[in-house]
Amino acid sequence: MKYAIAAIVVLASTSIAQAQPSDFDKDSLVAPGATPRLVASQFSFTEGASVDRRGNVFFTDQPNNKIWEYDVQGQLSLWMDSAGRSNGTYFDRKGNLVTCADDKGELWSISTDRKVTLLMKDYGGRQLNGPNDCWIDRKGGIYFTDPYYQRPYWTRTKPDIEGMKVYYLPKGRRQPVVVAEDLVRPNGIVGTPDGQYLYVADIQDRKTYKYRINKDGNLSDKRLFAEMGSDGITLDERGDLYLTGNGITVFNPAGEKIAHIAVGAKSTSNLCFGGKARNELFITAVESVYVLPMRVKGVE
């Protein structure tokens, strides 16, 4: 779900609203009495939340081509301008911010001093649809989704590659490999800390799948995890999966809905756990960003 396809946002939100969970486990997730706190509403469309080693959160404002930082002291600042229309982001083990640079369908690595290294620029000489969200495994390989969302700043009006797929870019390689190609519009993506499983949200088909990660980086044993799609997704230390759309919906490791967290009347797009103790859920929601104190922590 991106700012150019509001219709899909409405469709997904309607589906979620029809079957809210009982919230029986919400109290074990959210800090007592806590509700999402508005940090700022000065953006056009916020996305790509990720956290560095110190707990600082970085997120993108794609229409305005910027990356922002929300630090552990609660201070908000512009971190990078002219950011390649970056969308999804994720920190590698060296502290570089890897971004899905949507402007030209690339993957970037941005160092702490804002030096940009181009990791990947095409697939077999053809421009990718628009790398959207990413997750990095322990070996430094990058999994990313590549849906097509027509952008107002593009000169092209159709994709160069047929189908919307999930790719894997092995560390040090310049060309990715296709690891999943039977999805309608893959979007959110995250892997488990042990590197054994990968979750992929198919936002248009309203489903989220769980795959086994093989030693060579390929995926196998695809199974339906939840009858709900999502934009950005994240995991907590218990293995619960957090999906976006109409607020935040949480599923336990068995794929059961255990909680719904309302975020005002906003459609949410991405999230991650930040703060010094990784127990603050940072949420992007259209022009706004929120923070919610939690009982549980995120994972690295």
C-alpha atoms as a PDB file:
ATOM      1  CA  MET A   1       0.000   0.000   0.000  1.00  0.00           C
ATOM      2  CA  LYS A   2       1.476   3.301  -1.087  1.00  0.00           C
ATOM      3  CA  TYR A   3       0.195   6.833  -1.431  1.00  0.00           C
ATOM      4  CA  ALA A   4      -0.532   6.349  -5.147  1.00  0.00           C
ATOM      5  CA  ILE A   5      -3.083   3.581  -4.546  1.00  0.00           C
ATOM      6  CA  ALA A   6      -5.518   4.854  -1.961  1.00  0.00           C
ATOM      7  CA  ALA A   7      -8.171   2.512  -3.314  1.00  0.00           C
ATOM      8  CA  ILE A   8      -6.252  -0.522  -2.094  1.00  0.00           C
ATOM      9  CA  VAL A   9      -5.843   1.090   1.332  1.00  0.00           C
ATOM     10  CA  VAL A  10      -9.592   1.494   1.648  1.00  0.00           C
ATOM     11  CA  LEU A  11     -10.204  -2.054   0.438  1.00  0.00           C
ATOM     12  CA  ALA A  12      -7.751  -3.534   2.929  1.00  0.00           C
ATOM     13  CA  SER A  13      -9.089  -1.440   5.805  1.00  0.00           C
ATOM     14  CA  THR A  14     -12.654  -2.508   5.077  1.00  0.00           C
ATOM     15  CA  SER A  15     -11.648  -6.161   5.163  1.00  0.00           C
ATOM     16  CA  ILE A  16      -9.894  -5.783   8.502  1.00  0.00           C
ATOM     17  CA  ALA A  17     -12.779  -3.930  10.092  1.00  0.00           C
ATOM     18  CA  GLN A  18     -15.157  -6.799   9.382  1.00  0.00           C
ATOM     19  CA  ALA A  19     -13.324  -9.204  11.695  1.00  0.00           C
ATOM     20  CA  GLN A  20     -11.520  -7.611  14.609  1.00  0.00           C
ATOM     21  CA  PRO A  21      -9.804  -9.914  17.111  1.00  0.00           C
ATOM     22  CA  SER A  22     -11.029 -10.173  20.664  1.00  0.00           C
ATOM     23  CA  ASP A  23      -8.010  -8.273  22.023  1.00  0.00           C
ATOM     24  CA  PHE A  24      -7.610 -10.885  24.751  1.00  0.00           C
ATOM     25  CA  ASP A  25      -3.826 -10.620  24.540  1.00  0.00           C
ATOM     26  CA  LYS A  26      -3.532  -6.863  24.039  1.00  0.00           C
ATOM     27  CA  ASP A  27      -2.746  -6.205  27.709  1.00  0.00           C
ATOM     28  CA  SER A  28       0.295  -8.446  27.485  1.00  0.00           C
ATOM     29  CA  LEU A  29       1.621  -6.427  24.542  1.00  0.00           C
ATOM     30  CA  VAL A  30       0.909  -2.769  25.264  1.00  0.00           C
ATOM     31  CA  ALA A  31       2.205  -0.899  28.311  1.00  0.00           C
ATOM     32  CA  PRO A  32      -0.505  -0.263  30.947  1.00  0.00           C
ATOM     33  CA  GLY A  33      -2.758   2.638  29.971  1.00  0.00           C
ATOM     34  CA  ALA A  34      -0.720   3.451  26.867  1.00  0.00           C
ATOM     35  CA  THR A  35      -2.186   4.633  23.579  1.00  0.00           C
ATOM     36  CA  PRO A  36      -0.398   5.710  20.397  1.00  0.00           C
ATOM     37  CA  ARG A  37       1.124   9.171  20.919  1.00  0.00           C
ATOM     38  CA  LEU A  38       1.316  11.520  17.960  1.00  0.00           C
ATOM     39  CA  VAL A  39       4.898  12.635  17.280  1.00  0.00           C
ATOM     40  CA  ALA A  40       4.316  14.793  14.189  1.00  0.00           C
ATOM     41  CA  SER A  41       1.967  15.351  11.252  1.00  0.00           C
ATOM     42  CA  GLN A  42       4.089  17.343   8.835  1.00  0.00           C
ATOM     43  CA  PHE A  43       4.660  14.791   6.098  1.00  0.00           C
ATOM     44  CA  SER A  44       3.004  13.650   2.853  1.00  0.00           C
ATOM     45  CA  PHE A  45       3.269   9.864   3.141  1.00  0.00           C
ATOM     46  CA  THR A  46       5.448   8.219   5.786  1.00  0.00           C
ATOM     47  CA  GLU A  47       6.988   4.796   5.235  1.00  0.00           C
ATOM     48  CA  GLY A  48      10.011   2.579   5.727  1.00  0.00           C
ATOM     49  CA  ALA A  49      10.471   2.598   9.507  1.00  0.00           C
ATOM     50  CA  SER A  50      13.645   0.868  10.729  1.00  0.00           C
ATOM     51  CA  VAL A  51      15.850   1.054  13.803  1.00  0.00           C
ATOM     52  CA  ASP A  52      19.621   1.320  14.251  1.00  0.00           C
ATOM     53  CA  ARG A  53      21.723  -0.364  16.959  1.00  0.00           C
ATOM     54  CA  ARG A  54      21.191   2.474  19.426  1.00  0.00           C
ATOM     55  CA  GLY A  55      17.414   2.442  19.039  1.00  0.00           C
ATOM     56  CA  ASN A  56      17.076   5.517  16.818  1.00  0.00           C
ATOM     57  CA  VAL A  57      14.290   5.154  14.260  1.00  0.00           C
ATOM     58  CA  PHE A  58      14.609   6.219  10.631  1.00  0.00           C
ATOM     59  CA  PHE A  59      11.675   6.562   8.256  1.00  0.00           C
ATOM     60  CA  THR A  60      10.930   7.932   4.809  1.00  0.00           C
ATOM     61  CA  ASP A  61       8.602  10.591   3.447  1.00  0.00           C
ATOM     62  CA  GLN A  62       8.574   9.278  -0.099  1.00  0.00           C
ATOM     63  CA  PRO A  63       6.597  11.997  -1.936  1.00  0.00           C
ATOM     64  CA  ASN A  64       8.953  14.612  -0.479  1.00  0.00           C
ATOM     65  CA  ASN A  65      12.040  12.458  -1.168  1.00  0.00           C
ATOM     66  CA  LYS A  66      13.383  12.618   2.389  1.00  0.00           C
ATOM     67  CA  ILE A  67      14.565  10.372   5.221  1.00  0.00           C
ATOM     68  CA  TRP A  68      13.875  11.443   8.806  1.00  0.00           C
ATOM     69  CA  GLU A  69      15.295  10.363  12.160  1.00  0.00           C
ATOM     70  CA  TYR A  70      13.430  10.033  15.448  1.00  0.00           C
ATOM     71  CA  ASP A  71      16.152   9.544  18.045  1.00  0.00           C
ATOM     72  CA  VAL A  72      16.123   7.875  21.461  1.00  0.00           C
ATOM     73  CA  GLN A  73      15.734  11.294  23.104  1.00  0.00           C
ATOM     74  CA  GLY A  74      12.462  11.833  21.266  1.00  0.00           C
ATOM     75  CA  GLN A  75      13.891  14.406  18.886  1.00  0.00           C
ATOM     76  CA  LEU A  76      12.788  14.522  15.250  1.00  0.00           C
ATOM     77  CA  SER A  77      15.201  15.733  12.562  1.00  0.00           C
ATOM     78  CA  LEU A  78      15.707  15.586   8.810  1.00  0.00           C
ATOM     79  CA  TRP A  79      18.460  13.047   8.164  1.00  0.00           C
ATOM     80  CA  MET A  80      18.732  13.068   4.365  1.00  0.00           C
ATOM     81  CA  ASP A  81      17.285  15.032   1.489  1.00  0.00           C
ATOM     82  CA  SER A  82      17.224  13.786  -2.130  1.00  0.00           C
ATOM     83  CA  ALA A  83      16.990  10.199  -0.905  1.00  0.00           C
ATOM     84  CA  GLY A  84      16.260   8.416  -4.193  1.00  0.00           C
ATOM     85  CA  ARG A  85      12.538   8.370  -3.376  1.00  0.00           C
ATOM     86  CA  SER A  86      13.401   5.720  -0.809  1.00  0.00           C
ATOM     87  CA  ASN A  87      10.555   3.603   0.500  1.00  0.00           C
ATOM     88  CA  GLY A  88      11.323   0.563   2.698  1.00  0.00           C
ATOM     89  CA  THR A  89      14.544   0.569   4.723  1.00  0.00           C
ATOM     90  CA  TYR A  90      16.572  -1.774   6.931  1.00  0.00           C
ATOM     91  CA  PHE A  91      19.904  -1.490   8.759  1.00  0.00           C
ATOM     92  CA  ASP A  92      22.705  -3.917   7.943  1.00  0.00           C
ATOM     93  CA  ARG A  93      25.133  -5.237  10.565  1.00  0.00           C
ATOM     94  CA  LYS A  94      27.673  -2.494   9.773  1.00  0.00           C
ATOM     95  CA  GLY A  95      25.175   0.248  10.549  1.00  0.00           C
ATOM     96  CA  ASN A  96      24.455   1.228   6.965  1.00  0.00           C
ATOM     97  CA  LEU A  97      20.873   2.068   6.067  1.00  0.00           C
ATOM     98  CA  VAL A  98      19.797  -0.071   3.102  1.00  0.00           C
ATOM     99  CA  THR A  99      16.907   1.534   1.235  1.00  0.00           C
ATOM    100  CA  CYS A 100      14.536   0.630  -1.565  1.00  0.00           C
ATOM    101  CA  ALA A 101      15.272   3.599  -3.817  1.00  0.00           C
ATOM    102  CA  ASP A 102      12.061   3.711  -5.796  1.00  0.00           C
ATOM    103  CA  ASP A 103      13.054   6.554  -8.141  1.00  0.00           C
ATOM    104  CA  LYS A 104      15.028   4.291 -10.495  1.00  0.00           C
ATOM    105  CA  GLY A 105      14.230   0.865  -9.062  1.00  0.00           C
ATOM    106  CA  GLU A 106      17.480   0.503  -7.136  1.00  0.00           C
ATOM    107  CA  LEU A 107      18.810  -0.673  -3.778  1.00  0.00           C
ATOM    108  CA  TRP A 108      21.022   1.796  -1.927  1.00  0.00           C
ATOM    109  CA  SER A 109      23.317   1.485   1.075  1.00  0.00           C
ATOM    110  CA  ILE A 110      23.677   4.779   2.961  1.00  0.00           C
ATOM    111  CA  SER A 111      26.492   5.126   5.480  1.00  0.00           C
ATOM    112  CA  THR A 112      26.232   7.088   8.724  1.00  0.00           C
ATOM    113  CA  ASP A 113      27.898  10.041   6.966  1.00  0.00           C
ATOM    114  CA  ARG A 114      25.265   9.839   4.200  1.00  0.00           C
ATOM    115  CA  LYS A 115      27.530   8.386   1.542  1.00  0.00           C
ATOM    116  CA  VAL A 116      25.444   6.421  -0.975  1.00  0.00           C
ATOM    117  CA  THR A 117      26.608   3.096  -2.436  1.00  0.00           C
ATOM    118  CA  LEU A 118      24.540   1.597  -5.261  1.00  0.00           C
ATOM    119  CA  LEU A 119      23.960  -2.073  -4.450  1.00  0.00           C
ATOM    120  CA  MET A 120      21.723  -2.990  -7.387  1.00  0.00           C
ATOM    121  CA  LYS A 121      20.324  -1.069 -10.355  1.00  0.00           C
ATOM    122  CA  ASP A 122      18.435  -3.597 -12.504  1.00  0.00           C
ATOM    123  CA  TYR A 123      17.429  -7.201 -13.092  1.00  0.00           C
ATOM    124  CA  GLY A 124      18.952  -8.661 -16.250  1.00  0.00           C
ATOM    125  CA  GLY A 125      19.252  -5.178 -17.723  1.00  0.00           C
ATOM    126  CA  ARG A 126      15.591  -4.326 -17.086  1.00  0.00           C
ATOM    127  CA  GLN A 127      14.390  -1.833 -14.520  1.00  0.00           C
ATOM    128  CA  LEU A 128      12.615  -3.341 -11.535  1.00  0.00           C
ATOM    129  CA  ASN A 129       9.032  -2.343 -10.822  1.00  0.00           C
ATOM    130  CA  GLY A 130       9.976  -0.421  -7.700  1.00  0.00           C
ATOM    131  CA  PRO A 131      11.707  -2.150  -4.768  1.00  0.00           C
ATOM    132  CA  ASN A 132       9.326  -1.564  -1.897  1.00  0.00           C
ATOM    133  CA  ASP A 133      10.308  -3.211   1.378  1.00  0.00           C
ATOM    134  CA  CYS A 134      13.379  -5.188   2.460  1.00  0.00           C
ATOM    135  CA  TRP A 135      14.875  -7.415   5.132  1.00  0.00           C
ATOM    136  CA  ILE A 136      18.533  -8.436   5.554  1.00  0.00           C
ATOM    137  CA  ASP A 137      19.595 -11.909   6.698  1.00  0.00           C
ATOM    138  CA  ARG A 138      22.574 -12.832   8.862  1.00  0.00           C
ATOM    139  CA  LYS A 139      24.754 -13.397   5.800  1.00  0.00           C
ATOM    140  CA  GLY A 140      24.100  -9.882   4.536  1.00  0.00           C
ATOM    141  CA  GLY A 141      21.750 -10.995   1.777  1.00  0.00           C
ATOM    142  CA  ILE A 142      18.773  -8.756   1.059  1.00  0.00           C
ATOM    143  CA  TYR A 143      15.220  -9.977   0.497  1.00  0.00           C
ATOM    144  CA  PHE A 144      12.962  -7.386  -1.108  1.00  0.00           C
ATOM    145  CA  THR A 145       9.512  -7.084  -2.620  1.00  0.00           C
ATOM    146  CA  ASP A 146       8.961  -5.477  -6.010  1.00  0.00           C
ATOM    147  CA  PRO A 147       5.341  -4.460  -6.621  1.00  0.00           C
ATOM    148  CA  TYR A 148       4.419  -1.924  -9.302  1.00  0.00           C
ATOM    149  CA  TYR A 149       2.846   1.343  -8.172  1.00  0.00           C
ATOM    150  CA  GLN A 150       2.730   4.029 -10.821  1.00  0.00           C
ATOM    151  CA  ARG A 151       4.535   7.109  -9.534  1.00  0.00           C
ATOM    152  CA  PRO A 152       3.858  10.691 -10.645  1.00  0.00           C
ATOM    153  CA  TYR A 153       7.601  11.336 -10.881  1.00  0.00           C
ATOM    154  CA  TRP A 154       8.247   8.457 -13.335  1.00  0.00           C
ATOM    155  CA  THR A 155       8.433   8.934 -17.095  1.00  0.00           C
ATOM    156  CA  ARG A 156       7.526   5.270 -17.705  1.00  0.00           C
ATOM    157  CA  THR A 157       3.888   4.246 -17.617  1.00  0.00           C
ATOM    158  CA  LYS A 158       4.203   0.457 -17.492  1.00  0.00           C
ATOM    159  CA  PRO A 159       6.547  -2.092 -15.922  1.00  0.00           C
ATOM    160  CA  ASP A 160       9.627  -3.417 -17.681  1.00  0.00           C
ATOM    161  CA  ILE A 161       9.265  -6.780 -15.922  1.00  0.00           C
ATOM    162  CA  GLU A 162       6.191  -8.974 -16.019  1.00  0.00           C
ATOM    163  CA  GLY A 163       4.794  -9.926 -12.623  1.00  0.00           C
ATOM    164  CA  MET A 164       5.337  -8.662  -9.092  1.00  0.00           C
ATOM    165  CA  LYS A 165       7.893 -10.811  -7.296  1.00  0.00           C
ATOM    166  CA  VAL A 166      10.078 -11.299  -4.260  1.00  0.00           C
ATOM    167  CA  TYR A 167      13.836 -11.208  -4.869  1.00  0.00           C
ATOM    168  CA  TYR A 168      17.003 -12.079  -2.968  1.00  0.00           C
ATOM    169  CA  LEU A 169      20.259 -10.203  -3.480  1.00  0.00           C
ATOM    170  CA  PRO A 170      23.161 -12.268  -2.061  1.00  0.00           C
ATOM    171  CA  LYS A 171      25.836 -10.234  -0.313  1.00  0.00           C
ATOM    172  CA  GLY A 172      28.387  -8.868  -2.764  1.00  0.00           C
ATOM    173  CA  ARG A 173      26.310  -9.688  -5.840  1.00  0.00           C
ATOM    174  CA  ARG A 174      24.947  -7.125  -8.278  1.00  0.00           C
ATOM    175  CA  GLN A 175      22.056  -9.192  -9.588  1.00  0.00           C
ATOM    176  CA  PRO A 176      19.163 -10.547  -7.505  1.00  0.00           C
ATOM    177  CA  VAL A 177      17.418 -13.888  -7.928  1.00  0.00           C
ATOM    178  CA  VAL A 178      13.667 -14.472  -7.904  1.00  0.00           C
ATOM    179  CA  VAL A 179      12.581 -16.417  -4.811  1.00  0.00           C
ATOM    180  CA  ALA A 180       8.783 -16.040  -5.056  1.00  0.00           C
ATOM    181  CA  GLU A 181       6.720 -15.192  -8.125  1.00  0.00           C
ATOM    182  CA  ASP A 182       3.213 -16.485  -7.393  1.00  0.00           C
ATOM    183  CA  LEU A 183       1.954 -13.477  -5.438  1.00  0.00           C
ATOM    184  CA  VAL A 184      -0.425 -10.774  -6.632  1.00  0.00           C
ATOM    185  CA  ARG A 185       1.249  -7.705  -5.097  1.00  0.00           C
ATOM    186  CA  PRO A 186       3.878  -8.523  -2.454  1.00  0.00           C
ATOM    187  CA  ASN A 187       4.653  -5.679  -0.082  1.00  0.00           C
ATOM    188  CA  GLY A 188       5.692  -6.045   3.577  1.00  0.00           C
ATOM    189  CA  ILE A 189       8.526  -8.447   4.356  1.00  0.00           C
ATOM    190  CA  VAL A 190      10.394  -9.570   7.477  1.00  0.00           C
ATOM    191  CA  GLY A 191      12.398 -12.593   8.572  1.00  0.00           C
ATOM    192  CA  THR A 192      12.824 -14.313  11.925  1.00  0.00           C
ATOM    193  CA  PRO A 193      16.004 -13.574  13.909  1.00  0.00           C
ATOM    194  CA  ASP A 194      17.227 -17.160  13.532  1.00  0.00           C
ATOM    195  CA  GLY A 195      17.053 -16.806   9.751  1.00  0.00           C
ATOM    196  CA  GLN A 196      14.760 -19.804   9.329  1.00  0.00           C
ATOM    197  CA  TYR A 197      11.536 -18.170   8.170  1.00  0.00           C
ATOM    198  CA  LEU A 198      10.415 -15.268   6.021  1.00  0.00           C
ATOM    199  CA  TYR A 199       7.018 -13.550   6.155  1.00  0.00           C
ATOM    200  CA  VAL A 200       5.672 -11.820   3.046  1.00  0.00           C
ATOM    201  CA  ALA A 201       2.450  -9.813   2.965  1.00  0.00           C
ATOM    202  CA  ASP A 202       0.480  -9.876  -0.290  1.00  0.00           C
ATOM    203  CA  ILE A 203      -1.464  -6.669   0.186  1.00  0.00           C
ATOM    204  CA  GLN A 204      -3.686  -6.926  -2.872  1.00  0.00           C
ATOM    205  CA  ASP A 205      -4.650 -10.564  -2.263  1.00  0.00           C
ATOM    206  CA  ARG A 206      -5.253  -9.832   1.446  1.00  0.00           C
ATOM    207  CA  LYS A 207      -2.990 -12.615   2.621  1.00  0.00           C
ATOM    208  CA  THR A 208       0.296 -13.041   4.462  1.00  0.00           C
ATOM    209  CA  TYR A 209       2.512 -16.067   3.858  1.00  0.00           C
ATOM    210  CA  LYS A 210       5.281 -17.774   5.787  1.00  0.00           C
ATOM    211  CA  TYR A 211       8.204 -19.417   3.966  1.00  0.00           C
ATOM    212  CA  ARG A 212      11.125 -21.543   5.062  1.00  0.00           C
ATOM    213  CA  ILE A 213      14.484 -19.995   4.146  1.00  0.00           C
ATOM    214  CA  ASN A 214      16.858 -22.527   2.608  1.00  0.00           C
ATOM    215  CA  LYS A 215      20.639 -22.458   3.039  1.00  0.00           C
ATOM    216  CA  ASP A 216      21.105 -21.072  -0.476  1.00  0.00           C
ATOM    217  CA  GLY A 217      18.677 -18.212   0.192  1.00  0.00           C
ATOM    218  CA  ASN A 218      15.812 -19.684  -1.792  1.00  0.00           C
ATOM    219  CA  LEU A 219      12.382 -20.145  -0.223  1.00  0.00           C
ATOM    220  CA  SER A 220      10.296 -23.271   0.264  1.00  0.00           C
ATOM    221  CA  ASP A 221       7.308 -24.640   2.213  1.00  0.00           C
ATOM    222  CA  LYS A 222       5.055 -21.684   1.505  1.00  0.00           C
ATOM    223  CA  ARG A 223       2.012 -21.652   3.765  1.00  0.00           C
ATOM    224  CA  LEU A 224      -0.799 -19.234   4.415  1.00  0.00           C
ATOM    225  CA  PHE A 225      -0.151 -17.532   7.736  1.00  0.00           C
ATOM    226  CA  ALA A 226      -2.983 -14.973   7.912  1.00  0.00           C
ATOM    227  CA  GLU A 227      -6.033 -14.035   5.874  1.00  0.00           C
ATOM    228  CA  MET A 228      -4.911 -10.436   5.807  1.00  0.00           C
ATOM    229  CA  GLY A 229      -2.536  -8.411   3.679  1.00  0.00           C
ATOM    230  CA  SER A 230      -0.363  -5.568   4.881  1.00  0.00           C
ATOM    231  CA  ASP A 231       2.082  -2.870   3.963  1.00  0.00           C
ATOM    232  CA  GLY A 232       5.006  -2.875   6.385  1.00  0.00           C
ATOM    233  CA  ILE A 233       5.270  -5.690   8.945  1.00  0.00           C
ATOM    234  CA  THR A 234       7.422  -6.444  11.982  1.00  0.00           C
ATOM    235  CA  LEU A 235       8.025  -9.057  14.695  1.00  0.00           C
ATOM    236  CA  ASP A 236       8.327  -8.854  18.468  1.00  0.00           C
ATOM    237  CA  GLU A 237      10.456 -10.976  20.815  1.00  0.00           C
ATOM    238  CA  ARG A 238       7.606 -13.471  21.307  1.00  0.00           C
ATOM    239  CA  GLY A 239       7.372 -14.134  17.583  1.00  0.00           C
ATOM    240  CA  ASP A 240       4.138 -12.162  17.168  1.00  0.00           C
ATOM    241  CA  LEU A 241       3.668 -10.603  13.741  1.00  0.00           C
ATOM    242  CA  TYR A 242       2.353  -7.024  13.444  1.00  0.00           C
ATOM    243  CA  LEU A 243       0.405  -6.055  10.316  1.00  0.00           C
ATOM    244  CA  THR A 244      -0.618  -2.587   9.186  1.00  0.00           C
ATOM    245  CA  GLY A 245      -3.700  -1.137   7.500  1.00  0.00           C
ATOM    246  CA  ASN A 246      -6.569  -0.284   9.831  1.00  0.00           C
ATOM    247  CA  GLY A 247      -4.451   0.441  12.880  1.00  0.00           C
ATOM    248  CA  ILE A 248      -2.207  -2.469  13.876  1.00  0.00           C
ATOM    249  CA  THR A 249      -3.358  -6.089  13.948  1.00  0.00           C
ATOM    250  CA  VAL A 250      -1.218  -8.631  15.813  1.00  0.00           C
ATOM    251  CA  PHE A 251      -0.989 -12.377  15.135  1.00  0.00           C
ATOM    252  CA  ASN A 252       0.729 -14.893  17.388  1.00  0.00           C
ATOM    253  CA  PRO A 253       3.228 -17.422  15.931  1.00  0.00           C
ATOM    254  CA  ALA A 254       0.367 -19.837  15.244  1.00  0.00           C
ATOM    255  CA  GLY A 255      -1.313 -17.309  12.968  1.00  0.00           C
ATOM    256  CA  GLU A 256      -4.120 -16.443  15.395  1.00  0.00           C
ATOM    257  CA  LYS A 257      -5.311 -12.850  15.776  1.00  0.00           C
ATOM    258  CA  ILE A 258      -4.574 -11.766  19.318  1.00  0.00           C
ATOM    259  CA  ALA A 259      -4.905  -7.982  19.325  1.00  0.00           C
ATOM    260  CA  HIS A 260      -5.905  -4.883  17.416  1.00  0.00           C
ATOM    261  CA  ILE A 261      -4.389  -1.486  18.197  1.00  0.00           C
ATOM    262  CA  ALA A 262      -6.303   1.546  16.981  1.00  0.00           C
ATOM    263  CA  VAL A 263      -4.216   4.450  15.685  1.00  0.00           C
ATOM    264  CA  GLY A 264      -6.800   7.200  15.544  1.00  0.00           C
ATOM    265  CA  ALA A 265      -8.588   7.147  12.215  1.00  0.00           C
ATOM    266  CA  LYS A 266      -5.346   6.648  10.325  1.00  0.00           C
ATOM    267  CA  SER A 267      -4.385   4.006   7.818  1.00  0.00           C
ATOM    268  CA  THR A 268      -1.009   2.709   8.959  1.00  0.00           C
ATOM    269  CA  SER A 269       1.775   1.888   6.522  1.00  0.00           C
ATOM    270  CA  ASN A 270       4.822   0.683   8.446  1.00  0.00           C
ATOM    271  CA  LEU A 271       6.249   0.103  11.909  1.00  0.00           C
ATOM    272  CA  CYS A 272       9.242  -1.031  13.930  1.00  0.00           C
ATOM    273  CA  PHE A 273      10.355  -1.290  17.551  1.00  0.00           C
ATOM    274  CA  GLY A 274      12.681   1.520  18.617  1.00  0.00           C
ATOM    275  CA  GLY A 275      13.995   3.241  21.726  1.00  0.00           C
ATOM    276  CA  LYS A 276      16.940   2.331  23.921  1.00  0.00           C
ATOM    277  CA  ALA A 277      15.221  -0.830  25.152  1.00  0.00           C
ATOM    278  CA  ARG A 278      13.472  -1.571  21.819  1.00  0.00           C
ATOM    279  CA  ASN A 279      10.117  -1.398  23.605  1.00  0.00           C
ATOM    280  CA  GLU A 280       8.564   1.552  21.758  1.00  0.00           C
ATOM    281  CA  LEU A 281       6.447   0.710  18.750  1.00  0.00           C
ATOM    282  CA  PHE A 282       7.042   3.396  16.120  1.00  0.00           C
ATOM    283  CA  ILE A 283       4.211   3.664  13.596  1.00  0.00           C
ATOM    284  CA  THR A 284       3.985   5.511  10.278  1.00  0.00           C
ATOM    285  CA  ALA A 285       0.492   6.574   9.232  1.00  0.00           C
ATOM    286  CA  VAL A 286       0.041   8.700   6.093  1.00  0.00           C
ATOM    287  CA  GLU A 287       1.150  12.241   7.048  1.00  0.00           C
ATOM    288  CA  SER A 288       1.785  11.289  10.691  1.00  0.00           C
ATOM    289  CA  VAL A 289       4.055   9.212  12.911  1.00  0.00           C
ATOM    290  CA  TYR A 290       3.187   7.767  16.330  1.00  0.00           C
ATOM    291  CA  VAL A 291       4.937   6.061  19.238  1.00  0.00           C
ATOM    292  CA  LEU A 292       3.370   3.447  21.519  1.00  0.00           C
ATOM    293  CA  PRO A 293       5.080   2.158  24.719  1.00  0.00           C
ATOM    294  CA  MET A 294       5.007  -1.646  24.827  1.00  0.00           C
ATOM    295  CA  ARG A 295       5.528  -4.477  27.309  1.00  0.00           C
ATOM    296  CA  VAL A 296       7.283  -6.519  24.628  1.00  0.00           C
ATOM    297  CA  LYS A 297      10.432  -5.689  22.684  1.00  0.00           C
ATOM    298  CA  GLY A 298      11.344  -5.937  19.045  1.00  0.00           C
ATOM    299  CA  VAL A 299      13.951  -8.246  17.543  1.00  0.00           C
ATOM    300  CA  GLU A 300      17.115  -7.613  15.565  1.00  0.00           C
END
